[in-house]
Amino acid sequence: MKTAKTRASHSQLILTALKAGEHITGVDAFVRWKCFALPQRIFDLRKQGHKIVSETSSVSGKRWATYHMELASSP
């Protein structure tokens, strides 16, 4: 079972990468941080007010989501 500390740690690592302009998939999160629950961490970050965009892709019937930060619009 994951601890609150692990969830918070994963959320912070993910947020740092997203703020750096990275696009992250579930495979990326697992390989880089051993995070099995990327959609849940994205949900947590969105609840905190972070503007995170998800894009769904598919190839040969396989689907996955890619997450990135919403770009700030210019006035």
C-alpha atoms as a PDB file:
ATOM      1  CA  MET A   1       0.000   0.000   0.000  1.00  0.00           C
ATOM      2  CA  LYS A   2       1.246   3.474  -0.875  1.00  0.00           C
ATOM      3  CA  THR A   3       1.738   5.913   1.928  1.00  0.00           C
ATOM      4  CA  ALA A   4       0.644   9.538   1.896  1.00  0.00           C
ATOM      5  CA  LYS A   5       4.340  10.444   1.767  1.00  0.00           C
ATOM      6  CA  THR A   6       4.847   8.391  -1.406  1.00  0.00           C
ATOM      7  CA  ARG A   7       1.755   9.925  -3.046  1.00  0.00           C
ATOM      8  CA  ALA A   8       2.953  13.428  -2.165  1.00  0.00           C
ATOM      9  CA  SER A   9       6.450  12.632  -3.402  1.00  0.00           C
ATOM     10  CA  HIS A  10       5.150  11.298  -6.725  1.00  0.00           C
ATOM     11  CA  SER A  11       2.852  14.306  -7.096  1.00  0.00           C
ATOM     12  CA  GLN A  12       5.764  16.692  -6.550  1.00  0.00           C
ATOM     13  CA  LEU A  13       8.005  14.872  -9.042  1.00  0.00           C
ATOM     14  CA  ILE A  14       5.222  14.868 -11.640  1.00  0.00           C
ATOM     15  CA  LEU A  15       4.411  18.533 -11.049  1.00  0.00           C
ATOM     16  CA  THR A  16       8.073  19.517 -11.401  1.00  0.00           C
ATOM     17  CA  ALA A  17       8.321  17.676 -14.729  1.00  0.00           C
ATOM     18  CA  LEU A  18       5.072  19.189 -16.021  1.00  0.00           C
ATOM     19  CA  LYS A  19       6.176  22.705 -15.034  1.00  0.00           C
ATOM     20  CA  ALA A  20       9.406  22.077 -16.959  1.00  0.00           C
ATOM     21  CA  GLY A  21       7.275  21.598 -20.082  1.00  0.00           C
ATOM     22  CA  GLU A  22       7.422  17.819 -20.221  1.00  0.00           C
ATOM     23  CA  HIS A  23       4.635  15.615 -21.540  1.00  0.00           C
ATOM     24  CA  ILE A  24       4.145  12.529 -19.355  1.00  0.00           C
ATOM     25  CA  THR A  25       2.478   9.160 -19.956  1.00  0.00           C
ATOM     26  CA  GLY A  26       1.792   6.362 -17.496  1.00  0.00           C
ATOM     27  CA  VAL A  27       4.790   4.458 -18.844  1.00  0.00           C
ATOM     28  CA  ASP A  28       7.007   7.510 -18.294  1.00  0.00           C
ATOM     29  CA  ALA A  29       5.811   7.842 -14.685  1.00  0.00           C
ATOM     30  CA  PHE A  30       6.428   4.167 -13.973  1.00  0.00           C
ATOM     31  CA  VAL A  31       9.882   4.054 -15.550  1.00  0.00           C
ATOM     32  CA  ARG A  32      11.088   7.323 -13.993  1.00  0.00           C
ATOM     33  CA  TRP A  33       9.474   7.217 -10.541  1.00  0.00           C
ATOM     34  CA  LYS A  34       7.898   3.743 -10.116  1.00  0.00           C
ATOM     35  CA  CYS A  35       4.527   5.518 -10.015  1.00  0.00           C
ATOM     36  CA  PHE A  36       1.725   3.113 -10.958  1.00  0.00           C
ATOM     37  CA  ALA A  37      -1.064   5.649 -10.402  1.00  0.00           C
ATOM     38  CA  LEU A  38      -0.417   8.592 -12.728  1.00  0.00           C
ATOM     39  CA  PRO A  39      -4.124   9.356 -13.347  1.00  0.00           C
ATOM     40  CA  GLN A  40      -4.737   9.559  -9.598  1.00  0.00           C
ATOM     41  CA  ARG A  41      -1.746  11.864  -9.078  1.00  0.00           C
ATOM     42  CA  ILE A  42      -2.974  14.080 -11.946  1.00  0.00           C
ATOM     43  CA  PHE A  43      -6.396  14.162 -10.256  1.00  0.00           C
ATOM     44  CA  ASP A  44      -4.739  15.242  -6.976  1.00  0.00           C
ATOM     45  CA  LEU A  45      -2.776  17.985  -8.742  1.00  0.00           C
ATOM     46  CA  ARG A  46      -5.896  19.254 -10.517  1.00  0.00           C
ATOM     47  CA  LYS A  47      -7.691  19.399  -7.150  1.00  0.00           C
ATOM     48  CA  GLN A  48      -4.867  21.668  -5.980  1.00  0.00           C
ATOM     49  CA  GLY A  49      -5.669  24.011  -8.873  1.00  0.00           C
ATOM     50  CA  HIS A  50      -3.010  23.076 -11.412  1.00  0.00           C
ATOM     51  CA  LYS A  51      -4.147  23.361 -15.037  1.00  0.00           C
ATOM     52  CA  ILE A  52      -3.165  20.016 -16.537  1.00  0.00           C
ATOM     53  CA  VAL A  53      -4.288  18.953 -20.002  1.00  0.00           C
ATOM     54  CA  SER A  54      -4.763  15.331 -20.999  1.00  0.00           C
ATOM     55  CA  GLU A  55      -4.638  14.100 -24.572  1.00  0.00           C
ATOM     56  CA  THR A  56      -5.713  10.589 -25.492  1.00  0.00           C
ATOM     57  CA  SER A  57      -3.917   8.678 -28.247  1.00  0.00           C
ATOM     58  CA  SER A  58      -4.438   5.243 -29.730  1.00  0.00           C
ATOM     59  CA  VAL A  59      -2.566   2.875 -32.001  1.00  0.00           C
ATOM     60  CA  SER A  60      -3.784  -0.575 -33.023  1.00  0.00           C
ATOM     61  CA  GLY A  61      -6.526  -0.492 -30.400  1.00  0.00           C
ATOM     62  CA  LYS A  62      -4.182   0.508 -27.556  1.00  0.00           C
ATOM     63  CA  ARG A  63      -5.098   3.773 -25.810  1.00  0.00           C
ATOM     64  CA  TRP A  64      -3.134   5.979 -23.459  1.00  0.00           C
ATOM     65  CA  ALA A  65      -3.189   9.505 -22.081  1.00  0.00           C
ATOM     66  CA  THR A  66      -0.431  12.071 -22.231  1.00  0.00           C
ATOM     67  CA  TYR A  67      -0.458  14.889 -19.678  1.00  0.00           C
ATOM     68  CA  HIS A  68       1.058  18.355 -19.858  1.00  0.00           C
ATOM     69  CA  MET A  69       0.577  21.794 -18.308  1.00  0.00           C
ATOM     70  CA  GLU A  70      -1.891  24.170 -19.922  1.00  0.00           C
ATOM     71  CA  LEU A  71      -0.082  27.012 -21.596  1.00  0.00           C
ATOM     72  CA  ALA A  72      -0.801  30.477 -20.260  1.00  0.00           C
ATOM     73  CA  SER A  73      -2.620  32.555 -22.848  1.00  0.00           C
ATOM     74  CA  SER A  74      -1.193  35.909 -23.857  1.00  0.00           C
ATOM     75  CA  PRO A  75      -3.344  39.005 -23.254  1.00  0.00           C
END
